[in-house]
Amino acid sequence: MHTPSKLIEKAAAQTLAASTYREYLTHAYLDVERQRLIATNGQIMAIVPVICEDSDTSGYVTLDALVLARKAKANIAANGSLALSDGRVLPRPDADTVGKYPDIDRVLPAAPIGQADIYLDANLLYRLAQAISRKAEKHDGLRIGLTFAKNSDGTIDHTRGVRVDGYDDACGVIMPMRE
């Protein structure tokens, strides 16, 4: 597998305690058939396309292997173990030990890649969420709600702002990104 440049490990549970004791959430999952790498913590999920080698097999990829491979600019041979192209070999967790990975296609809304209903600047959305949400404890997230302006036919109006609701009646607007 060619190591993705994207920091997909940010979407996985960082510790076993953070995963509510679901160890499979502390690893990414390589889906060779669909040429994708998946990471989730049970609340967010990231899916990135990858280029797999013929010897790669579907299964878990540890976050350590991803970080080490990216730093070394190495690829990962993912079969019985996780062999980095720089010579390091890491153990590969298996489903019998870790558990079965979630059926991500069941929760992923159907939409062709590049055909989203609307695009938002994630940095601006994060700043707005900070501005209208109460200061969260370390384990809490910034809770927001999104309301999209609709056209008379029910489709999203790409020319109008998206309402962002926070705590205690605080709200804001973020404008969609232009193409």
Foldseek 3Di string as FASTA:
>chain_A
DQQDPDLQQVAAQCDCVLLVNQQLSQWWWQDQVQQWIWHHSPPDIDIDHHDADPQADTATDHSVLSVVCNVVVWGFRHDQWTATPVGDTGGGDGCVPRNDDDPVVVVDDDDPPPGDLFAFDPVVVVVQLVVQEDDDDPSDDRDKDWDFDADPVGRGDLQDWIWIHGPPRGIDTGHTDDD
